[in-house]
Amino acid sequence: MEVEAFSQKISNVLSKGKFIIPDYQREYDWDEDEIQELLDDLDEINETESYFIGHMVFEGKFTGTSFNVIDGQQRITTITILLSVIRDLFYSLKLDHLGNGINNNYIFRKDLNDVDYVVLENKMPYPILQAYVQSKPGDKDMQMKPIKSGEKKIVKAYDTFEQKFKSYDENKLKELRDKILNLEVIFVAASEKVHAHTIFMTLNATGKDLTPIDLIKNQIFSFYPRQPHIEEPNDSWKKIIANTEDKGLKFFNNFWSSRYKKVSDYHLFKQFIKTIIKPGIDIKEFLKDLVDDSILFRKIYSPLAQDWTRDNEYLVFLSLNAITQIFGIEVANSILISLLREYSKSTISLAYLIKALDTLEKFHFINNAICSNRSSGLDIMYAKHARDLLEAEDKHKKHQVIDDLLNKIYSKIPAIEVFGTNFDSKLFYLSNQPKQKKLVQYVLNKIEFKKQNQNVDLVNMSIEHIYPERPKAGQWAIINPDFIKNIGNLVLLDANLNSEIGNLDFTKKKDFILRQSTLISTKETFSKYSTWDEATIKDRRDELVNVLYTDVWS
């Protein structure tokens, strides 16, 4: 590997030749905050000072004339926009010689055949960059409209700069020009892009630039065998992006942990090169695995009931929804991906999938949602069993891997005493304190679902305070307000009964519920008690501790 690094002023950088932003790069992403920060920096320096703005990493030799931008595209694009605005303002002041000075040295240059070429070329493509920004005023295509988010931000940046500097006279524009051209960067030229990770990860450059996923995408696009009229690997990468949305790095880490090795984000690219690129693993198969697992990742992160419509698959949806959406658990992603992957290939049974998810759901409800325990070490355990599951030779051995994992999980479940101690601090609800409502609803739904033998739709159920939040005087004994919000005072209520039950006293409310409600757990609660006060609320609360710890997931 040949790496060269030199301190350079922007004037020297842009004079070196052509800079190409490859199509794998992310879109232009500077917003008002980044733009204002740059403007503030420019305000603080004078035109003769050098102001360091970080490193820029390029693929190519330092003595060459063409460079791929590896790290720094946000800054070099913004600087190009700035210089284009200053050039256009010079032209508007009839200072053509000053406008040409910028245009012919830093926006466009001539090759050996005396043909103009653009200094900053974007391969994404970004026609709006040249049409709206880089072209001289008389050549701009103002009919072209920005489509992509990055294009809109380019136009926004240009308009922001133009609005700020349009009142500047010749001297102030020249001063601004010189400040920009005197900005200093460390110009890092790497002859081999495969080593971009080493450079990128060890340099603390400013701006929104490449992530490990961008670098991995670069390698996939570079090594993927292209075929005429087939839009690959673009189409596959679009599917991955659609499935993972803004969680691309998290997905790739989970993917890698479930198949290869548990590593930090920092080491992902290095491991990718070592494991996939250097041994010459089929990049098409690797990309296919990525696409397939991204579909599973979407089912984990955004679970939908319609994805699980066969037999008892609805139970899979309920567990995934509880683990990721209600408890907010991310540490189990690698094993969840592995379990869904094996089930999709019919290499584990639905019964084993449900059993595994049931155990994970119970553990994380008790350990995290209620006891708020840390998850340290779980990611390593989950990732190891995810890979063991992948490598097990047949269904029987895969089921053994699951059994081994479940035994380890059960050994980590906190004791019921710890569970009970944390119970009240997590399971409470008042209409003006809705923070825990989702978890309370989950608990009450879970109990009713078990009572109904899993044959009930609980989507539209509401939460009823047996002792009202605002009791009528004379109908209820005065109690400590903490008991009103306690889970022991809460039951599910059929949606159509909510308006009818009103603010009845306990005797009338009990009679109404026993006649009208279809919910077993609610009717059992009212049937058990003849009065309702602090003692009965505490008694029911204690009962719920035992039910949730020992019975619901049995």
Protein backbone atom coordinates (compact mmCIF):
# COMPACT_ATOMS: atom_id res chain seq x y z
CA MET A 1 0.00 0.00 0.00
CA GLU A 2 1.27 3.47 -0.91
CA VAL A 3 -0.06 6.28 1.24
CA GLU A 4 1.05 9.89 0.98
CA ALA A 5 -0.13 12.73 3.20
CA PHE A 6 0.69 16.41 2.78
CA SER A 7 -0.66 19.64 4.19
CA GLN A 8 -2.29 21.54 1.35
CA LYS A 9 -4.27 24.72 0.88
CA ILE A 10 -7.58 24.34 -0.90
CA SER A 11 -6.18 26.41 -3.77
CA ASN A 12 -3.50 23.74 -4.28
CA VAL A 13 -5.92 20.85 -3.86
CA LEU A 14 -8.36 22.09 -6.51
CA SER A 15 -5.49 22.86 -8.87
CA LYS A 16 -4.27 19.25 -8.91
CA GLY A 17 -6.81 17.91 -11.44
CA LYS A 18 -10.14 16.12 -11.38
CA PHE A 19 -11.91 14.95 -8.22
CA ILE A 20 -14.56 12.28 -8.69
CA ILE A 21 -17.25 11.49 -6.14
CA PRO A 22 -18.08 7.78 -6.84
CA ASP A 23 -21.65 6.58 -7.13
CA TYR A 24 -21.41 4.60 -3.89
CA GLN A 25 -21.02 7.76 -1.84
CA ARG A 26 -23.89 9.03 0.28
CA GLU A 27 -25.88 12.04 -0.85
CA TYR A 28 -24.84 15.60 -0.09
CA ASP A 29 -26.01 16.10 3.47
CA TRP A 30 -25.02 19.50 4.80
CA ASP A 31 -27.89 21.39 6.39
CA GLU A 32 -28.13 24.85 7.91
CA ASP A 33 -26.16 23.86 11.03
CA GLU A 34 -23.07 22.69 9.12
CA ILE A 35 -23.24 25.61 6.71
CA GLN A 36 -23.56 28.14 9.52
CA GLU A 37 -20.65 26.55 11.37
CA LEU A 38 -18.44 26.97 8.28
CA LEU A 39 -19.56 30.59 7.85
CA ASP A 40 -18.83 31.30 11.50
CA ASP A 41 -15.34 29.86 11.05
CA LEU A 42 -14.74 32.02 7.98
CA ASP A 43 -15.87 35.11 9.87
CA GLU A 44 -13.25 34.48 12.56
CA ILE A 45 -10.20 34.33 10.26
CA ASN A 46 -8.62 36.81 7.88
CA GLU A 47 -7.77 36.18 4.24
CA THR A 48 -4.07 35.59 4.93
CA GLU A 49 -4.54 32.97 7.68
CA SER A 50 -4.52 29.23 7.14
CA TYR A 51 -7.43 27.52 8.86
CA PHE A 52 -7.31 23.72 9.22
CA ILE A 53 -10.53 21.92 8.24
CA GLY A 54 -9.39 18.32 8.70
CA HIS A 55 -8.24 15.48 6.48
CA MET A 56 -9.45 14.54 3.04
CA VAL A 57 -8.77 11.03 1.77
CA PHE A 58 -8.48 10.26 -1.94
CA GLU A 59 -7.81 7.17 -3.99
CA GLY A 60 -4.93 7.90 -6.32
CA LYS A 61 -1.29 8.94 -6.28
CA PHE A 62 -0.41 12.34 -4.89
CA THR A 63 1.40 13.20 -8.13
CA GLY A 64 -1.58 12.13 -10.24
CA THR A 65 -4.29 14.24 -11.84
CA SER A 66 -7.42 12.22 -11.09
CA PHE A 67 -8.69 11.25 -7.64
CA ASN A 68 -11.67 9.37 -6.24
CA VAL A 69 -13.01 11.08 -3.12
CA ILE A 70 -13.01 8.55 -0.27
CA ASP A 71 -13.48 10.90 2.67
CA GLY A 72 -14.29 14.60 2.42
CA GLN A 73 -16.97 14.84 -0.23
CA GLN A 74 -19.23 17.01 1.95
CA ARG A 75 -16.51 19.62 2.44
CA ILE A 76 -15.16 19.64 -1.12
CA THR A 77 -18.71 19.93 -2.49
CA THR A 78 -19.53 22.80 -0.11
CA ILE A 79 -16.31 24.62 -1.03
CA THR A 80 -17.15 24.21 -4.74
CA ILE A 81 -20.62 25.68 -4.11
CA LEU A 82 -19.10 28.60 -2.20
CA LEU A 83 -16.57 29.39 -4.93
CA SER A 84 -19.28 29.12 -7.60
CA VAL A 85 -21.42 31.67 -5.73
CA ILE A 86 -18.50 34.10 -5.40
CA ARG A 87 -17.70 33.65 -9.11
CA ASP A 88 -21.31 34.35 -10.08
CA LEU A 89 -21.40 37.46 -7.91
CA PHE A 90 -18.21 38.73 -9.56
CA TYR A 91 -19.91 38.31 -12.94
CA SER A 92 -23.00 40.14 -11.68
CA LEU A 93 -20.75 43.08 -10.74
CA LYS A 94 -19.22 43.03 -14.26
CA LEU A 95 -15.91 41.88 -12.77
CA ASP A 96 -15.46 39.18 -15.39
CA HIS A 97 -11.70 38.88 -14.89
CA LEU A 98 -12.25 37.95 -11.25
CA GLY A 99 -15.07 35.56 -12.11
CA ASN A 100 -12.91 33.90 -14.77
CA GLY A 101 -10.07 33.58 -12.27
CA ILE A 102 -12.22 31.31 -10.08
CA ASN A 103 -14.03 29.56 -12.94
CA ASN A 104 -10.92 28.61 -14.94
CA ASN A 105 -8.83 27.46 -12.00
CA TYR A 106 -11.16 25.91 -9.40
CA ILE A 107 -14.50 25.08 -11.06
CA PHE A 108 -13.38 24.13 -14.58
CA ARG A 109 -9.96 23.41 -16.05
CA LYS A 110 -8.59 22.39 -19.46
CA ASP A 111 -7.00 19.09 -20.36
CA LEU A 112 -4.06 18.59 -22.76
CA ASN A 113 -6.44 18.87 -25.70
CA ASP A 114 -7.62 22.28 -24.45
CA VAL A 115 -11.04 20.82 -23.60
CA ASP A 116 -12.83 22.01 -20.47
CA TYR A 117 -13.49 19.51 -17.70
CA VAL A 118 -15.23 20.04 -14.37
CA VAL A 119 -12.90 19.91 -11.37
CA LEU A 120 -15.46 18.23 -9.07
CA GLU A 121 -17.35 15.46 -10.86
CA ASN A 122 -20.18 13.62 -9.15
CA LYS A 123 -21.07 10.15 -10.42
CA MET A 124 -24.27 9.71 -8.38
CA PRO A 125 -25.47 11.33 -10.77
CA TYR A 126 -26.07 14.92 -9.69
CA PRO A 127 -26.93 16.89 -12.85
CA ILE A 128 -28.20 19.68 -10.62
CA LEU A 129 -24.66 20.28 -9.30
CA GLN A 130 -23.33 21.32 -12.68
CA ALA A 131 -26.59 22.76 -14.03
CA TYR A 132 -27.40 25.00 -11.04
CA VAL A 133 -24.04 25.52 -9.38
CA GLN A 134 -20.93 24.89 -11.45
CA SER A 135 -22.11 26.32 -14.79
CA LYS A 136 -21.50 30.00 -15.43
CA PRO A 137 -24.59 32.26 -15.08
CA GLY A 138 -25.35 32.33 -18.81
CA ASP A 139 -25.00 28.55 -19.07
CA LYS A 140 -27.07 27.52 -16.06
CA ASP A 141 -30.10 25.32 -16.71
CA MET A 142 -32.60 26.94 -14.37
CA GLN A 143 -35.41 24.71 -15.67
CA MET A 144 -33.82 21.65 -14.08
CA LYS A 145 -35.43 20.88 -10.73
CA PRO A 146 -33.76 19.04 -7.82
CA ILE A 147 -35.20 15.58 -7.21
CA LYS A 148 -33.04 13.79 -4.66
CA SER A 149 -32.63 14.99 -1.09
CA GLY A 150 -28.95 15.68 -1.76
CA GLU A 151 -29.79 17.79 -4.81
CA LYS A 152 -32.27 19.86 -2.83
CA LYS A 153 -29.62 20.47 -0.19
CA ILE A 154 -27.12 21.54 -2.88
CA VAL A 155 -29.61 24.11 -4.20
CA LYS A 156 -30.39 25.22 -0.64
CA ALA A 157 -26.67 25.70 0.12
CA TYR A 158 -26.13 27.72 -3.07
CA ASP A 159 -29.16 29.93 -2.37
CA THR A 160 -28.09 30.43 1.25
CA PHE A 161 -24.60 31.54 0.26
CA GLU A 162 -25.90 33.78 -2.52
CA GLN A 163 -28.38 35.47 -0.19
CA LYS A 164 -25.70 36.09 2.43
CA PHE A 165 -23.04 37.48 0.07
CA LYS A 166 -25.05 39.25 -2.64
CA SER A 167 -24.57 42.62 -0.93
CA TYR A 168 -20.76 42.24 -0.83
CA ASP A 169 -18.67 44.62 -2.92
CA GLU A 170 -15.53 43.67 -4.86
CA ASN A 171 -13.17 43.89 -1.89
CA LYS A 172 -15.34 41.84 0.46
CA LEU A 173 -15.84 39.14 -2.20
CA LYS A 174 -12.08 38.99 -2.84
CA GLU A 175 -11.46 38.71 0.90
CA LEU A 176 -13.96 35.85 1.16
CA ARG A 177 -12.44 34.12 -1.88
CA ASP A 178 -8.97 34.27 -0.36
CA LYS A 179 -10.19 32.93 2.99
CA ILE A 180 -11.65 29.88 1.25
CA LEU A 181 -8.60 29.24 -0.93
CA ASN A 182 -6.35 29.49 2.14
CA LEU A 183 -8.28 26.83 4.05
CA GLU A 184 -5.87 24.02 4.88
CA VAL A 185 -6.40 20.26 4.75
CA ILE A 186 -4.26 17.18 5.10
CA PHE A 187 -4.38 15.69 1.60
CA VAL A 188 -4.16 11.91 2.04
CA ALA A 189 -3.64 9.93 -1.18
CA ALA A 190 -3.97 6.12 -1.02
CA SER A 191 -2.99 4.09 -4.05
CA GLU A 192 -5.34 1.21 -3.11
CA LYS A 193 -8.93 1.84 -2.04
CA VAL A 194 -9.03 -1.46 -0.18
CA HIS A 195 -7.07 0.29 2.56
CA ALA A 196 -9.53 3.15 2.83
CA HIS A 197 -10.81 1.72 6.14
CA THR A 198 -7.43 1.96 7.83
CA ILE A 199 -7.09 5.57 6.79
CA PHE A 200 -10.69 6.57 7.36
CA MET A 201 -10.99 5.02 10.81
CA THR A 202 -7.78 6.56 12.13
CA LEU A 203 -8.40 10.11 10.92
CA ASN A 204 -10.78 12.38 12.77
CA ALA A 205 -12.03 14.43 9.85
CA THR A 206 -14.83 16.96 10.22
CA GLY A 207 -18.04 16.77 8.22
CA LYS A 208 -20.53 14.02 7.39
CA ASP A 209 -18.41 11.58 5.42
CA LEU A 210 -17.98 7.85 4.94
CA THR A 211 -19.06 5.19 7.42
CA PRO A 212 -17.91 1.54 7.44
CA ILE A 213 -21.05 0.71 5.43
CA ASP A 214 -20.05 3.18 2.71
CA LEU A 215 -16.63 1.54 2.53
CA ILE A 216 -18.12 -1.95 2.38
CA LYS A 217 -20.52 -0.83 -0.34
CA ASN A 218 -17.52 0.52 -2.25
CA GLN A 219 -15.88 -2.91 -2.17
CA ILE A 220 -19.06 -4.76 -3.16
CA PHE A 221 -19.62 -2.44 -6.12
CA SER A 222 -15.95 -2.72 -7.12
CA PHE A 223 -15.80 -6.53 -7.10
CA TYR A 224 -19.32 -7.34 -8.27
CA PRO A 225 -19.25 -8.84 -11.80
CA ARG A 226 -21.26 -6.50 -14.03
CA GLN A 227 -23.60 -7.74 -16.76
CA PRO A 228 -25.13 -5.67 -19.58
CA HIS A 229 -28.70 -4.46 -18.99
CA ILE A 230 -28.75 -5.79 -15.40
CA GLU A 231 -28.85 -3.12 -12.70
CA GLU A 232 -26.80 -5.02 -10.16
CA PRO A 233 -25.53 -4.52 -7.55
CA ASN A 234 -27.57 -1.28 -7.48
CA ASP A 235 -30.95 -3.01 -7.26
CA SER A 236 -29.88 -5.28 -4.41
CA TRP A 237 -28.38 -2.39 -2.49
CA LYS A 238 -31.60 -0.40 -2.87
CA LYS A 239 -33.50 -3.32 -1.32
CA ILE A 240 -31.10 -3.37 1.63
CA ILE A 241 -31.54 0.37 2.16
CA ALA A 242 -35.34 0.07 1.91
CA ASN A 243 -35.39 -2.74 4.49
CA THR A 244 -32.98 -1.15 6.98
CA GLU A 245 -33.79 2.56 6.44
CA ASP A 246 -31.55 4.61 8.75
CA LYS A 247 -30.33 1.55 10.66
CA GLY A 248 -27.86 0.34 8.03
CA LEU A 249 -24.84 0.15 10.32
CA LYS A 250 -26.81 -1.59 13.06
CA PHE A 251 -28.13 -4.11 10.54
CA PHE A 252 -24.71 -4.90 9.13
CA ASN A 253 -23.28 -5.37 12.61
CA ASN A 254 -26.15 -7.75 13.49
CA PHE A 255 -25.74 -9.54 10.16
CA TRP A 256 -22.02 -9.96 10.71
CA SER A 257 -22.43 -11.11 14.33
CA SER A 258 -24.97 -13.74 13.32
CA ARG A 259 -22.77 -15.20 10.55
CA TYR A 260 -19.09 -14.48 11.18
CA LYS A 261 -17.89 -12.83 14.39
CA LYS A 262 -19.01 -10.36 17.04
CA VAL A 263 -17.05 -7.17 16.36
CA SER A 264 -17.42 -3.46 17.02
CA ASP A 265 -18.54 -1.06 14.30
CA TYR A 266 -14.97 0.21 14.18
CA HIS A 267 -13.62 -3.17 13.06
CA LEU A 268 -16.41 -4.12 10.64
CA PHE A 269 -14.65 -3.07 7.46
CA LYS A 270 -11.35 -4.64 8.47
CA GLN A 271 -13.12 -7.94 9.17
CA PHE A 272 -15.02 -7.67 5.90
CA ILE A 273 -11.75 -7.35 3.95
CA LYS A 274 -10.14 -10.19 5.91
CA THR A 275 -13.12 -12.56 5.71
CA ILE A 276 -14.72 -11.80 2.33
CA ILE A 277 -12.40 -9.88 0.00
CA LYS A 278 -8.98 -11.44 0.63
CA PRO A 279 -10.20 -15.09 0.48
CA GLY A 280 -12.13 -14.26 -2.70
CA ILE A 281 -15.59 -15.17 -1.37
CA ASP A 282 -18.27 -14.94 -4.08
CA ILE A 283 -19.44 -11.33 -3.75
CA LYS A 284 -22.76 -12.13 -5.48
CA GLU A 285 -23.60 -14.74 -2.85
CA PHE A 286 -22.49 -12.40 -0.09
CA LEU A 287 -24.76 -9.64 -1.40
CA LYS A 288 -27.65 -12.11 -1.68
CA ASP A 289 -27.14 -13.05 1.99
CA LEU A 290 -27.21 -9.36 2.86
CA VAL A 291 -30.49 -8.83 1.00
CA ASP A 292 -32.11 -11.91 2.55
CA ASP A 293 -31.08 -10.97 6.07
CA SER A 294 -32.17 -7.36 5.57
CA ILE A 295 -35.70 -8.69 4.98
CA LEU A 296 -35.50 -10.54 8.29
CA PHE A 297 -34.11 -7.41 9.97
CA ARG A 298 -37.14 -5.46 8.76
CA LYS A 299 -39.45 -8.11 10.23
CA ILE A 300 -37.64 -7.74 13.55
CA TYR A 301 -37.45 -3.95 13.65
CA SER A 302 -40.84 -3.22 12.10
CA PRO A 303 -42.91 -6.34 12.81
CA LEU A 304 -46.17 -6.64 10.88
CA ALA A 305 -48.94 -9.14 11.59
CA GLN A 306 -49.39 -9.80 7.86
CA ASP A 307 -45.90 -11.30 7.71
CA TRP A 308 -47.06 -14.12 10.00
CA THR A 309 -50.32 -15.63 8.79
CA ARG A 310 -49.81 -19.41 8.85
CA ASP A 311 -50.81 -21.73 11.69
CA ASN A 312 -49.62 -20.23 14.98
CA GLU A 313 -47.25 -17.74 13.37
CA TYR A 314 -49.16 -14.87 14.95
CA LEU A 315 -47.36 -15.78 18.18
CA VAL A 316 -44.08 -15.01 16.41
CA PHE A 317 -45.34 -11.54 15.57
CA LEU A 318 -46.47 -10.91 19.16
CA SER A 319 -43.08 -11.87 20.60
CA LEU A 320 -41.10 -9.85 18.06
CA ASN A 321 -43.33 -6.84 18.67
CA ALA A 322 -42.89 -7.15 22.43
CA ILE A 323 -39.11 -7.59 22.35
CA THR A 324 -38.27 -4.83 19.88
CA GLN A 325 -41.16 -2.37 20.00
CA ILE A 326 -42.39 -2.51 23.61
CA PHE A 327 -39.19 -3.40 25.47
CA GLY A 328 -36.88 -1.67 22.96
CA ILE A 329 -34.37 -4.54 23.01
CA GLU A 330 -31.59 -4.43 20.39
CA VAL A 331 -29.02 -6.73 21.96
CA ALA A 332 -30.89 -9.86 20.77
CA ASN A 333 -30.93 -8.92 17.08
CA SER A 334 -28.25 -11.39 16.01
CA ILE A 335 -30.05 -14.41 17.48
CA LEU A 336 -33.42 -13.15 16.21
CA ILE A 337 -32.03 -12.89 12.67
CA SER A 338 -30.55 -16.39 12.98
CA LEU A 339 -33.80 -17.90 14.30
CA LEU A 340 -35.93 -16.33 11.55
CA ARG A 341 -33.36 -17.33 8.92
CA GLU A 342 -33.48 -20.99 9.95
CA TYR A 343 -37.26 -20.98 10.15
CA SER A 344 -37.51 -19.46 6.67
CA LYS A 345 -35.40 -22.38 5.40
CA SER A 346 -37.54 -24.91 7.37
CA THR A 347 -34.43 -26.05 9.26
CA ILE A 348 -36.09 -25.40 12.63
CA SER A 349 -39.72 -26.03 13.47
CA LEU A 350 -42.34 -23.40 14.21
CA ALA A 351 -42.72 -24.88 17.70
CA TYR A 352 -39.02 -24.33 18.41
CA LEU A 353 -39.13 -20.82 16.99
CA ILE A 354 -42.10 -19.95 19.22
CA LYS A 355 -40.44 -21.55 22.26
CA ALA A 356 -37.24 -19.56 21.68
CA LEU A 357 -39.06 -16.27 21.19
CA ASP A 358 -41.28 -16.93 24.19
CA THR A 359 -38.22 -17.40 26.38
CA LEU A 360 -36.50 -14.31 25.02
CA GLU A 361 -39.69 -12.33 25.56
CA LYS A 362 -40.05 -13.48 29.19
CA PHE A 363 -36.39 -12.87 29.98
CA HIS A 364 -36.25 -9.37 28.55
CA PHE A 365 -39.59 -8.43 30.11
CA ILE A 366 -38.32 -9.37 33.55
CA ASN A 367 -34.65 -8.49 33.15
CA ASN A 368 -34.96 -5.25 31.17
CA ALA A 369 -38.51 -3.90 31.03
CA ILE A 370 -39.12 -4.38 34.77
CA CYS A 371 -35.73 -4.80 36.50
CA SER A 372 -33.79 -2.43 34.17
CA ASN A 373 -30.71 -4.65 34.30
CA ARG A 374 -27.79 -4.06 31.96
CA SER A 375 -27.40 -6.35 28.97
CA SER A 376 -23.61 -6.62 29.08
CA GLY A 377 -22.37 -9.95 27.79
CA LEU A 378 -25.71 -10.91 26.25
CA ASP A 379 -24.66 -9.71 22.78
CA ILE A 380 -21.67 -12.07 22.80
CA MET A 381 -23.79 -15.00 24.01
CA TYR A 382 -26.51 -14.33 21.46
CA ALA A 383 -24.03 -13.91 18.59
CA LYS A 384 -22.25 -17.17 19.44
CA HIS A 385 -25.48 -19.16 19.47
CA ALA A 386 -26.60 -17.43 16.26
CA ARG A 387 -23.48 -18.72 14.52
CA ASP A 388 -23.80 -22.14 16.17
CA LEU A 389 -27.34 -22.31 14.84
CA LEU A 390 -26.14 -21.41 11.35
CA GLU A 391 -23.41 -24.04 11.41
CA ALA A 392 -25.42 -26.92 12.96
CA GLU A 393 -25.73 -29.70 10.40
CA ASP A 394 -29.38 -30.75 10.71
CA LYS A 395 -32.68 -29.85 12.33
CA HIS A 396 -32.04 -32.00 15.39
CA LYS A 397 -28.70 -30.32 16.10
CA LYS A 398 -30.17 -26.88 15.46
CA HIS A 399 -32.88 -27.62 18.03
CA GLN A 400 -30.14 -28.66 20.46
CA VAL A 401 -28.43 -25.30 19.96
CA ILE A 402 -31.71 -23.55 20.77
CA ASP A 403 -32.22 -25.69 23.89
CA ASP A 404 -28.71 -24.84 25.07
CA LEU A 405 -29.39 -21.13 24.58
CA LEU A 406 -32.73 -21.26 26.40
CA ASN A 407 -31.17 -23.02 29.39
CA LYS A 408 -28.58 -20.26 29.63
CA ILE A 409 -31.25 -17.58 29.37
CA TYR A 410 -33.35 -19.15 32.12
CA SER A 411 -30.33 -19.23 34.41
CA LYS A 412 -30.06 -15.44 34.02
CA ILE A 413 -33.67 -14.53 34.88
CA PRO A 414 -33.72 -12.39 38.04
CA ALA A 415 -35.36 -13.88 41.12
CA ILE A 416 -39.03 -13.19 41.79
CA GLU A 417 -38.08 -11.06 44.82
CA VAL A 418 -36.08 -8.72 42.59
CA PHE A 419 -38.88 -8.72 40.02
CA GLY A 420 -41.44 -7.82 42.70
CA THR A 421 -39.28 -5.04 44.12
CA ASN A 422 -39.16 -3.26 40.74
CA PHE A 423 -42.75 -4.01 39.77
CA ASP A 424 -44.51 -0.85 40.96
CA SER A 425 -41.90 1.53 39.52
CA LYS A 426 -42.55 0.26 35.98
CA LEU A 427 -46.21 -0.75 35.90
CA PHE A 428 -48.39 2.25 36.58
CA TYR A 429 -50.66 4.50 34.55
CA LEU A 430 -52.67 7.68 34.83
CA SER A 431 -54.17 9.57 31.90
CA ASN A 432 -51.81 12.46 32.66
CA GLN A 433 -48.84 10.10 33.17
CA PRO A 434 -48.92 8.00 29.97
CA LYS A 435 -45.21 7.10 29.82
CA GLN A 436 -45.71 3.49 30.96
CA LYS A 437 -49.05 2.94 29.24
CA LYS A 438 -47.63 0.75 26.47
CA LEU A 439 -45.99 -1.61 28.97
CA VAL A 440 -49.11 -1.74 31.16
CA GLN A 441 -51.26 -2.51 28.11
CA TYR A 442 -48.82 -5.24 27.13
CA VAL A 443 -49.02 -6.88 30.58
CA LEU A 444 -52.82 -6.83 30.73
CA ASN A 445 -53.08 -8.08 27.13
CA LYS A 446 -50.61 -10.87 27.87
CA ILE A 447 -52.64 -12.13 30.81
CA GLU A 448 -55.93 -12.00 28.90
CA PHE A 449 -54.38 -13.66 25.86
CA LYS A 450 -53.33 -16.57 28.06
CA LYS A 451 -56.77 -16.75 29.70
CA GLN A 452 -58.46 -16.85 26.30
CA ASN A 453 -56.15 -19.66 25.14
CA GLN A 454 -54.64 -17.30 22.54
CA ASN A 455 -57.97 -16.97 20.72
CA VAL A 456 -58.77 -13.28 21.09
CA ASP A 457 -58.03 -10.02 19.29
CA LEU A 458 -57.01 -7.41 21.86
CA VAL A 459 -56.18 -4.58 19.49
CA ASN A 460 -58.83 -2.08 20.59
CA MET A 461 -58.97 -2.71 24.32
CA SER A 462 -58.68 0.22 26.73
CA ILE A 463 -57.27 0.45 30.26
CA GLU A 464 -59.79 0.95 33.07
CA HIS A 465 -58.99 2.27 36.54
CA ILE A 466 -61.21 0.24 38.89
CA TYR A 467 -60.83 2.96 41.53
CA PRO A 468 -61.46 6.03 39.34
CA GLU A 469 -58.88 8.71 38.68
CA ARG A 470 -61.54 11.27 39.65
CA PRO A 471 -63.96 9.53 42.06
CA LYS A 472 -67.31 11.05 42.96
CA ALA A 473 -67.53 12.24 46.54
CA GLY A 474 -69.20 9.75 48.85
CA GLN A 475 -68.98 6.79 46.42
CA TRP A 476 -65.38 5.75 47.14
CA ALA A 477 -63.29 5.64 50.31
CA ILE A 478 -60.31 7.98 50.22
CA ILE A 479 -57.05 6.16 49.38
CA ASN A 480 -53.40 7.04 48.74
CA PRO A 481 -53.21 8.39 45.14
CA ASP A 482 -50.28 6.05 44.43
CA PHE A 483 -52.70 3.14 44.59
CA ILE A 484 -54.89 4.62 41.84
CA LYS A 485 -52.15 4.39 39.20
CA ASN A 486 -50.82 1.02 40.43
CA ILE A 487 -51.14 -1.99 38.10
CA GLY A 488 -53.25 -3.67 40.81
CA ASN A 489 -55.97 -1.09 40.13
CA LEU A 490 -55.90 -1.53 36.35
CA VAL A 491 -57.86 -3.91 34.11
CA LEU A 492 -58.61 -4.24 30.42
CA LEU A 493 -61.97 -2.99 29.26
CA ASP A 494 -63.84 -3.77 26.05
CA ALA A 495 -63.59 -0.71 23.82
CA ASN A 496 -67.35 -0.38 23.40
CA LEU A 497 -67.92 -0.32 27.17
CA ASN A 498 -65.58 2.51 28.03
CA SER A 499 -68.14 5.30 27.65
CA GLU A 500 -70.92 3.32 29.33
CA ILE A 501 -69.14 2.46 32.55
CA GLY A 502 -68.64 6.13 33.43
CA ASN A 503 -67.82 6.87 37.06
CA LEU A 504 -69.92 4.17 38.72
CA ASP A 505 -69.24 3.05 42.28
CA PHE A 506 -67.60 -0.36 42.72
CA THR A 507 -70.83 -2.36 43.25
CA LYS A 508 -72.50 -0.97 40.11
CA LYS A 509 -69.29 -1.20 38.11
CA LYS A 510 -68.87 -4.84 39.17
CA ASP A 511 -72.45 -5.71 38.19
CA PHE A 512 -72.02 -3.98 34.82
CA ILE A 513 -68.68 -5.72 34.04
CA LEU A 514 -69.92 -9.18 34.96
CA ARG A 515 -72.94 -8.71 32.66
CA GLN A 516 -71.31 -6.94 29.70
CA SER A 517 -67.57 -7.65 29.47
CA THR A 518 -66.11 -10.42 27.31
CA LEU A 519 -62.71 -10.31 29.06
CA ILE A 520 -61.97 -13.24 31.35
CA SER A 521 -59.21 -11.60 33.41
CA THR A 522 -61.35 -8.50 34.05
CA LYS A 523 -64.42 -10.50 35.10
CA GLU A 524 -62.30 -12.71 37.37
CA THR A 525 -60.91 -9.64 39.13
CA PHE A 526 -64.36 -8.18 39.82
CA SER A 527 -65.75 -11.58 40.84
CA LYS A 528 -63.02 -12.10 43.43
CA TYR A 529 -63.57 -8.91 45.43
CA SER A 530 -66.68 -7.52 47.14
CA THR A 531 -65.05 -4.19 48.00
CA TRP A 532 -62.24 -2.16 46.47
CA ASP A 533 -59.68 -0.31 48.56
CA GLU A 534 -55.93 -0.12 49.20
CA ALA A 535 -55.80 -3.65 50.61
CA THR A 536 -57.53 -5.25 47.61
CA ILE A 537 -55.39 -3.28 45.16
CA LYS A 538 -52.24 -4.51 46.91
CA ASP A 539 -53.59 -8.07 46.99
CA ARG A 540 -54.24 -8.04 43.26
CA ARG A 541 -50.85 -6.43 42.61
CA ASP A 542 -49.14 -9.29 44.50
CA GLU A 543 -51.18 -11.79 42.51
CA LEU A 544 -50.04 -10.21 39.24
CA VAL A 545 -46.39 -10.49 40.30
CA ASN A 546 -46.80 -14.25 40.67
CA VAL A 547 -48.90 -14.68 37.55
CA LEU A 548 -46.48 -12.77 35.35
CA TYR A 549 -43.38 -14.43 36.79
CA THR A 550 -44.52 -18.04 36.94
CA ASP A 551 -47.58 -18.61 34.79
CA VAL A 552 -47.98 -16.41 31.69
CA TRP A 553 -45.02 -17.82 29.71
CA SER A 554 -45.07 -21.34 31.16
